Amino acid sequence: MAYETKVILTLLAEYVGRAETVEEAYNIIIRAANVEGVKLPSYEEFQEQLKGKK
């Protein structure tokens, strides 16, 4: 695994571990993904997608 990947995963784990809600944790991951150019749906959009699959 690349060093950069290890750093990103370590930081994500720390911040998600500190998050007080699932939504806060999800938004932390979105911010990290945006740095790399990955477009994730908002928390609300993601929840709607989950509801559509049930």
Protein backbone atom coordinates (compact mmCIF):
# COMPACT_ATOMS: atom_id res chain seq x y z
CA MET A 1 0.00 0.00 0.00
CA ALA A 2 1.33 3.45 -0.91
CA TYR A 3 2.50 5.71 1.90
CA GLU A 4 0.01 8.41 0.89
CA THR A 5 -2.85 5.94 1.14
CA LYS A 6 -1.73 4.93 4.62
CA VAL A 7 -1.64 8.57 5.71
CA ILE A 8 -5.10 9.27 4.31
CA LEU A 9 -6.61 6.19 5.94
CA THR A 10 -4.98 6.97 9.28
CA LEU A 11 -6.30 10.53 9.26
CA LEU A 12 -9.77 9.43 8.17
CA ALA A 13 -9.91 6.84 10.95
CA GLU A 14 -8.90 9.42 13.54
CA TYR A 15 -11.43 12.02 12.43
CA VAL A 16 -14.25 9.51 11.97
CA GLY A 17 -13.49 8.16 15.43
CA ARG A 18 -13.94 11.67 16.82
CA ALA A 19 -17.16 12.34 14.93
CA GLU A 20 -20.27 12.57 17.07
CA THR A 21 -22.73 11.50 14.36
CA VAL A 22 -22.74 9.33 11.27
CA GLU A 23 -23.50 12.41 9.17
CA GLU A 24 -20.46 14.22 10.55
CA ALA A 25 -18.26 11.19 9.81
CA TYR A 26 -19.65 10.93 6.27
CA ASN A 27 -18.97 14.63 5.64
CA ILE A 28 -15.36 14.18 6.81
CA ILE A 29 -14.94 11.44 4.22
CA ILE A 30 -16.52 13.63 1.53
CA ARG A 31 -14.01 16.41 2.22
CA ALA A 32 -11.11 13.97 1.95
CA ALA A 33 -12.49 12.51 -1.28
CA ASN A 34 -12.95 15.97 -2.81
CA VAL A 35 -9.22 16.64 -2.43
CA GLU A 36 -8.60 13.67 -4.71
CA GLY A 37 -11.29 14.73 -7.17
CA VAL A 38 -13.79 12.02 -6.20
CA LYS A 39 -17.39 13.27 -6.27
CA LEU A 40 -19.46 11.62 -3.56
CA PRO A 41 -23.14 12.38 -3.01
CA SER A 42 -24.11 14.53 -0.05
CA TYR A 43 -25.26 12.74 3.08
CA GLU A 44 -28.87 13.54 2.23
CA GLU A 45 -28.48 12.27 -1.35
CA PHE A 46 -26.83 9.10 -0.06
CA GLN A 47 -29.67 8.48 2.39
CA GLU A 48 -32.20 8.90 -0.43
CA GLN A 49 -30.27 6.37 -2.53
CA LEU A 50 -30.37 3.92 0.37
CA LYS A 51 -34.11 4.37 0.79
CA GLY A 52 -34.61 3.73 -2.91
CA LYS A 53 -32.81 0.39 -2.63
CA LYS A 54 -34.99 -0.87 0.24
